Amino acid sequence: MRFRVVVDSPTIAINGKLLPAIKNQIEEIIAKRHLKVCDVMAEMEFPKLNASLGRALHRETGSNPM
């Protein structure tokens, strides 16, 4: 199963911070599927060791995997 977050708009962050709804969806999926952040990054086809999503969730900042 691929990682998928459903949003009403293409914006996931404003002023460098994750929108609360996006953060909640990501955390809910991680909890339900017992994933680690590195697993989510791999499903999104980014390097597993890329820490941008983990930092974004922890700091509530935007994720920039590139």
Protein backbone atom coordinates (compact mmCIF):
# COMPACT_ATOMS: atom_id res chain seq x y z
CA MET A 1 0.00 0.00 0.00
CA ARG A 2 1.36 3.38 -1.00
CA PHE A 3 1.45 6.33 1.36
CA ARG A 4 -1.26 8.81 0.47
CA VAL A 5 -2.45 12.00 2.12
CA VAL A 6 -5.67 13.54 0.81
CA VAL A 7 -5.82 17.33 0.63
CA ASP A 8 -8.27 19.82 -0.82
CA SER A 9 -5.46 21.94 -2.25
CA PRO A 10 -1.89 21.31 -3.39
CA THR A 11 -0.58 23.39 -0.47
CA ILE A 12 0.83 21.32 2.38
CA ALA A 13 2.78 24.10 4.08
CA ILE A 14 2.42 27.83 4.55
CA ASN A 15 5.37 30.02 5.54
CA GLY A 16 7.50 26.89 5.90
CA LYS A 17 5.16 25.15 8.35
CA LEU A 18 3.08 22.03 7.74
CA LEU A 19 -0.63 22.68 7.81
CA PRO A 20 -2.17 21.06 10.91
CA ALA A 21 -4.52 18.91 8.81
CA ILE A 22 -1.57 17.53 6.79
CA LYS A 23 0.48 16.85 9.90
CA ASN A 24 -2.48 15.04 11.50
CA GLN A 25 -3.06 12.88 8.41
CA ILE A 26 0.60 11.90 8.18
CA GLU A 27 0.80 11.05 11.88
CA GLU A 28 -2.45 9.07 11.70
CA ILE A 29 -1.18 6.97 8.77
CA ILE A 30 2.16 6.39 10.50
CA ALA A 31 0.37 5.21 13.65
CA LYS A 32 -2.20 3.00 11.88
CA ARG A 33 0.40 1.27 9.72
CA HIS A 34 3.12 1.18 12.41
CA LEU A 35 5.53 2.97 10.10
CA LYS A 36 8.72 4.83 10.74
CA VAL A 37 9.32 8.16 9.05
CA CYS A 38 12.05 6.54 6.92
CA ASP A 39 9.45 4.03 5.62
CA VAL A 40 7.18 6.90 4.60
CA MET A 41 10.06 8.61 2.79
CA ALA A 42 10.84 5.39 0.90
CA GLU A 43 7.17 4.99 -0.13
CA MET A 44 7.27 8.52 -1.51
CA GLU A 45 10.38 7.45 -3.46
CA PHE A 46 12.84 9.59 -1.51
CA PRO A 47 15.96 8.28 0.24
CA LYS A 48 15.09 6.57 3.54
CA LEU A 49 17.79 8.53 5.34
CA ASN A 50 16.33 11.88 4.29
CA ALA A 51 15.24 13.46 7.57
CA SER A 52 13.16 16.33 6.16
CA LEU A 53 9.76 14.76 6.93
CA GLY A 54 10.76 13.84 10.48
CA ARG A 55 12.03 17.35 11.09
CA ALA A 56 8.88 18.82 9.56
CA LEU A 57 6.66 16.73 11.83
CA HIS A 58 8.73 17.43 14.91
CA ARG A 59 9.26 21.14 14.29
CA GLU A 60 6.02 21.70 12.38
CA THR A 61 8.02 23.06 9.47
CA GLY A 62 7.64 22.27 5.81
CA SER A 63 9.24 19.20 4.27
CA ASN A 64 11.78 19.70 1.49
CA PRO A 65 13.03 16.26 0.45
CA MET A 66 15.12 17.51 -2.48
